[in-house]
C-alpha atoms as a PDB file:
ATOM      1  CA  UNK A   1      94.701 135.028  95.435  1.00  0.00           C
ATOM      2  CA  UNK A   2      95.726 136.278  98.904  1.00  0.00           C
ATOM      3  CA  UNK A   3      99.250 137.028  99.262  1.00  0.00           C
ATOM      4  CA  UNK A   4     101.263 134.468 101.124  1.00  0.00           C
ATOM      5  CA  UNK A   5     103.043 135.396 104.348  1.00  0.00           C
ATOM      6  CA  UNK A   6     106.803 134.531 104.407  1.00  0.00           C
ATOM      7  CA  UNK A   7     108.064 131.291 106.299  1.00  0.00           C
ATOM      8  CA  UNK A   8     111.387 130.369 107.855  1.00  0.00           C
ATOM      9  CA  UNK A   9     113.008 127.153 106.636  1.00  0.00           C
ATOM     10  CA  UNK A  10     113.927 125.396 109.771  1.00  0.00           C
ATOM     11  CA  UNK A  11     114.451 121.941 108.300  1.00  0.00           C
ATOM     12  CA  UNK A  12     117.046 120.819 105.801  1.00  0.00           C
ATOM     13  CA  UNK A  13     116.598 117.074 105.829  1.00  0.00           C
ATOM     14  CA  UNK A  14     113.738 114.754 106.419  1.00  0.00           C
ATOM     15  CA  UNK A  15     112.334 116.686 109.416  1.00  0.00           C
ATOM     16  CA  UNK A  16     111.975 113.145 111.171  1.00  0.00           C
ATOM     17  CA  UNK A  17     114.333 114.482 113.969  1.00  0.00           C
ATOM     18  CA  UNK A  18     112.271 117.645 114.195  1.00  0.00           C
ATOM     19  CA  UNK A  19     109.749 118.229 116.895  1.00  0.00           C
ATOM     20  CA  UNK A  20     106.179 118.119 116.021  1.00  0.00           C
ATOM     21  CA  UNK A  21     104.730 121.475 115.899  1.00  0.00           C
ATOM     22  CA  UNK A  22     101.533 122.183 117.806  1.00  0.00           C
ATOM     23  CA  UNK A  23      99.917 125.739 117.874  1.00  0.00           C
ATOM     24  CA  UNK A  24      96.447 126.844 119.019  1.00  0.00           C
ATOM     25  CA  UNK A  25      94.001 127.832 116.311  1.00  0.00           C
ATOM     26  CA  UNK A  26      94.525 131.509 117.198  1.00  0.00           C
ATOM     27  CA  UNK A  27      98.334 131.256 116.803  1.00  0.00           C
ATOM     28  CA  UNK A  28      97.793 129.569 113.167  1.00  0.00           C
ATOM     29  CA  UNK A  29      95.664 132.476 112.322  1.00  0.00           C
ATOM     30  CA  UNK A  30      98.044 134.968 113.420  1.00  0.00           C
ATOM     31  CA  UNK A  31     101.006 133.100 111.179  1.00  0.00           C
ATOM     32  CA  UNK A  32      98.917 132.344 108.066  1.00  0.00           C
ATOM     33  CA  UNK A  33      96.764 134.579 105.702  1.00  0.00           C
ATOM     34  CA  UNK A  34      93.150 133.710 105.701  1.00  0.00           C
ATOM     35  CA  UNK A  35      93.395 131.527 102.514  1.00  0.00           C
ATOM     36  CA  UNK A  36      96.349 129.589 104.000  1.00  0.00           C
ATOM     37  CA  UNK A  37      94.673 129.029 107.259  1.00  0.00           C
ATOM     38  CA  UNK A  38      91.279 127.947 105.400  1.00  0.00           C
ATOM     39  CA  UNK A  39      93.410 125.430 103.159  1.00  0.00           C
ATOM     40  CA  UNK A  40      96.073 124.156 105.630  1.00  0.00           C
ATOM     41  CA  UNK A  41      94.331 124.224 108.988  1.00  0.00           C
ATOM     42  CA  UNK A  42      90.460 123.812 108.007  1.00  0.00           C
ATOM     43  CA  UNK A  43      91.369 121.105 105.188  1.00  0.00           C
ATOM     44  CA  UNK A  44      90.109 123.421 102.396  1.00  0.00           C
ATOM     45  CA  UNK A  45      90.896 122.950  98.616  1.00  0.00           C
ATOM     46  CA  UNK A  46      91.886 125.523  95.949  1.00  0.00           C
ATOM     47  CA  UNK A  47      90.100 125.816  92.705  1.00  0.00           C
ATOM     48  CA  UNK A  48      91.684 123.558  90.155  1.00  0.00           C
ATOM     49  CA  UNK A  49      93.943 125.091  87.727  1.00  0.00           C
ATOM     50  CA  UNK A  50      94.222 128.321  89.991  1.00  0.00           C
ATOM     51  CA  UNK A  51      97.154 127.559  92.075  1.00  0.00           C
ATOM     52  CA  UNK A  52     100.500 129.513  92.018  1.00  0.00           C
ATOM     53  CA  UNK A  53     102.724 126.378  91.276  1.00  0.00           C
ATOM     54  CA  UNK A  54     100.404 124.307  88.989  1.00  0.00           C
ATOM     55  CA  UNK A  55     102.617 125.294  86.091  1.00  0.00           C
ATOM     56  CA  UNK A  56     105.712 125.898  87.782  1.00  0.00           C
ATOM     57  CA  UNK A  57     108.662 123.715  86.072  1.00  0.00           C
ATOM     58  CA  UNK A  58     111.656 125.333  87.786  1.00  0.00           C
ATOM     59  CA  UNK A  59     114.106 123.493  89.790  1.00  0.00           C
ATOM     60  CA  UNK A  60     113.795 123.625  93.605  1.00  0.00           C
ATOM     61  CA  UNK A  61     112.157 122.338  96.493  1.00  0.00           C
ATOM     62  CA  UNK A  62     108.738 122.705  97.951  1.00  0.00           C
ATOM     63  CA  UNK A  63     108.095 123.423 101.687  1.00  0.00           C
ATOM     64  CA  UNK A  64     105.202 123.306 104.019  1.00  0.00           C
ATOM     65  CA  UNK A  65     103.851 126.812 104.159  1.00  0.00           C
ATOM     66  CA  UNK A  66     103.018 126.444 107.862  1.00  0.00           C
ATOM     67  CA  UNK A  67     106.317 124.962 109.333  1.00  0.00           C
ATOM     68  CA  UNK A  68     108.919 125.048 106.769  1.00  0.00           C
ATOM     69  CA  UNK A  69     109.381 121.549 106.300  1.00  0.00           C
ATOM     70  CA  UNK A  70     110.866 119.873 103.158  1.00  0.00           C
ATOM     71  CA  UNK A  71     107.969 118.300 101.455  1.00  0.00           C
ATOM     72  CA  UNK A  72     108.589 117.680  97.526  1.00  0.00           C
ATOM     73  CA  UNK A  73     111.361 118.213  94.935  1.00  0.00           C
ATOM     74  CA  UNK A  74     110.882 119.416  91.606  1.00  0.00           C
ATOM     75  CA  UNK A  75     112.290 116.470  89.955  1.00  0.00           C
ATOM     76  CA  UNK A  76     109.352 114.461  91.317  1.00  0.00           C
ATOM     77  CA  UNK A  77     106.809 116.960  89.997  1.00  0.00           C
ATOM     78  CA  UNK A  78     104.744 116.227  86.799  1.00  0.00           C
ATOM     79  CA  UNK A  79     101.701 117.474  84.873  1.00  0.00           C
ATOM     80  CA  UNK A  80      98.772 114.900  85.931  1.00  0.00           C
ATOM     81  CA  UNK A  81      96.084 117.440  84.334  1.00  0.00           C
ATOM     82  CA  UNK A  82      94.372 117.443  87.408  1.00  0.00           C
ATOM     83  CA  UNK A  83      94.544 121.122  88.183  1.00  0.00           C
ATOM     84  CA  UNK A  84      96.812 120.915  91.155  1.00  0.00           C
ATOM     85  CA  UNK A  85     100.614 120.536  91.442  1.00  0.00           C
ATOM     86  CA  UNK A  86     101.228 116.520  91.383  1.00  0.00           C
ATOM     87  CA  UNK A  87     104.294 114.767  92.594  1.00  0.00           C
ATOM     88  CA  UNK A  88     105.084 110.988  92.318  1.00  0.00           C
ATOM     89  CA  UNK A  89     106.690 110.779  95.858  1.00  0.00           C
ATOM     90  CA  UNK A  90     107.605 113.156  98.797  1.00  0.00           C
ATOM     91  CA  UNK A  91     111.165 114.417  99.478  1.00  0.00           C
ATOM     92  CA  UNK A  92     111.799 111.860 102.314  1.00  0.00           C
ATOM     93  CA  UNK A  93     110.169 109.128 104.167  1.00  0.00           C
ATOM     94  CA  UNK A  94     108.002 110.288 106.983  1.00  0.00           C
ATOM     95  CA  UNK A  95     107.579 113.888 106.027  1.00  0.00           C
ATOM     96  CA  UNK A  96     103.876 113.203 104.672  1.00  0.00           C
ATOM     97  CA  UNK A  97     101.175 111.402 106.631  1.00  0.00           C
ATOM     98  CA  UNK A  98      98.158 109.586 105.186  1.00  0.00           C
ATOM     99  CA  UNK A  99      94.564 109.439 106.636  1.00  0.00           C
ATOM    100  CA  UNK A 100      91.378 108.038 105.205  1.00  0.00           C
ATOM    101  CA  UNK A 101      89.151 110.869 104.258  1.00  0.00           C
ATOM    102  CA  UNK A 102      85.492 109.962 103.660  1.00  0.00           C
ATOM    103  CA  UNK A 103      84.461 113.629 103.223  1.00  0.00           C
ATOM    104  CA  UNK A 104      82.312 114.977 100.419  1.00  0.00           C
ATOM    105  CA  UNK A 105      80.587 111.576  99.662  1.00  0.00           C
ATOM    106  CA  UNK A 106      83.996 110.001  98.395  1.00  0.00           C
ATOM    107  CA  UNK A 107      86.679 107.857  99.863  1.00  0.00           C
ATOM    108  CA  UNK A 108      90.234 109.299  99.358  1.00  0.00           C
ATOM    109  CA  UNK A 109      93.402 109.586 101.117  1.00  0.00           C
ATOM    110  CA  UNK A 110      94.534 112.820 102.825  1.00  0.00           C
ATOM    111  CA  UNK A 111      97.983 113.863 102.990  1.00  0.00           C
ATOM    112  CA  UNK A 112      99.141 116.105 105.804  1.00  0.00           C
ATOM    113  CA  UNK A 113     102.649 117.627 106.902  1.00  0.00           C
ATOM    114  CA  UNK A 114     103.935 115.166 109.420  1.00  0.00           C
ATOM    115  CA  UNK A 115     105.669 118.037 111.143  1.00  0.00           C
ATOM    116  CA  UNK A 116     102.718 120.368 111.594  1.00  0.00           C
ATOM    117  CA  UNK A 117      99.768 118.622 110.271  1.00  0.00           C
ATOM    118  CA  UNK A 118      98.978 120.956 107.671  1.00  0.00           C
ATOM    119  CA  UNK A 119      96.501 119.618 105.074  1.00  0.00           C
ATOM    120  CA  UNK A 120      98.343 119.317 101.950  1.00  0.00           C
ATOM    121  CA  UNK A 121      95.707 117.611  99.581  1.00  0.00           C
ATOM    122  CA  UNK A 122      95.185 113.847  98.488  1.00  0.00           C
ATOM    123  CA  UNK A 123      97.203 111.155  97.366  1.00  0.00           C
ATOM    124  CA  UNK A 124      95.910 108.660  94.539  1.00  0.00           C
ATOM    125  CA  UNK A 125      96.947 105.256  93.029  1.00  0.00           C
ATOM    126  CA  UNK A 126      96.969 106.590  89.542  1.00  0.00           C
ATOM    127  CA  UNK A 127     100.377 108.288  89.219  1.00  0.00           C
ATOM    128  CA  UNK A 128     103.741 107.464  86.946  1.00  0.00           C
ATOM    129  CA  UNK A 129     106.575 105.061  87.801  1.00  0.00           C
ATOM    130  CA  UNK A 130     108.397 104.503  89.810  1.00  0.00           C
ATOM    131  CA  UNK A 131     105.958 104.857  92.601  1.00  0.00           C
ATOM    132  CA  UNK A 132     102.401 104.593  90.755  1.00  0.00           C
ATOM    133  CA  UNK A 133     101.231 107.591  93.211  1.00  0.00           C
ATOM    134  CA  UNK A 134      99.714 110.988  92.509  1.00  0.00           C
ATOM    135  CA  UNK A 135     100.297 113.586  95.365  1.00  0.00           C
ATOM    136  CA  UNK A 136      97.956 116.215  94.437  1.00  0.00           C
ATOM    137  CA  UNK A 137      98.619 119.260  96.551  1.00  0.00           C
ATOM    138  CA  UNK A 138      97.211 122.653  96.863  1.00  0.00           C
ATOM    139  CA  UNK A 139      99.855 125.543  95.958  1.00  0.00           C
ATOM    140  CA  UNK A 140      98.769 127.464  99.086  1.00  0.00           C
ATOM    141  CA  UNK A 141     100.032 124.502 101.221  1.00  0.00           C
ATOM    142  CA  UNK A 142     103.406 124.877  99.652  1.00  0.00           C
ATOM    143  CA  UNK A 143     106.272 127.502  99.554  1.00  0.00           C
ATOM    144  CA  UNK A 144     108.787 127.214  96.508  1.00  0.00           C
ATOM    145  CA  UNK A 145     112.331 127.693  96.844  1.00  0.00           C
ATOM    146  CA  UNK A 146     114.277 127.794  93.378  1.00  0.00           C
ATOM    147  CA  UNK A 147     117.535 125.958  93.274  1.00  0.00           C
ATOM    148  CA  UNK A 148     118.941 122.517  92.228  1.00  0.00           C
ATOM    149  CA  UNK A 149     116.662 119.618  93.215  1.00  0.00           C
ATOM    150  CA  UNK A 150     118.373 116.623  94.574  1.00  0.00           C
ATOM    151  CA  UNK A 151     118.866 113.878  91.989  1.00  0.00           C
ATOM    152  CA  UNK A 152     116.425 111.012  91.937  1.00  0.00           C
ATOM    153  CA  UNK A 153     117.302 107.442  93.194  1.00  0.00           C
ATOM    154  CA  UNK A 154     114.222 105.325  91.717  1.00  0.00           C
END
């Protein structure tokens, strides 16, 4: 796995008040490693069970690799057995967008960062309570910051 370039966390809340980020493909290529660019900007997928955060059980927050948006909290992460970090809900409403994905002869729901459109992974309707959803996310599209994860309010 290539080394991740550092990001600057520019958001502290839901990000819904933040401006949408639009960079040229050349700017994204300069900002990201080749692996980050492939997964986040070209909708690639890391190999199952290979991601840096698949086995991460530390408390903290997961931010978008591309823009620093707060996306997921460790309190919502669980082991789905899928091979990718899985969460049962995003950190706040509106930080993740969903799109129909019919690539690779499958019908799925793609998830992207609402602030910068980075490809995160997919969401499936087979997760645990309280949402019944499994947000299956590429580790490369995330940056983890250890610390106390906010309490859950089901």
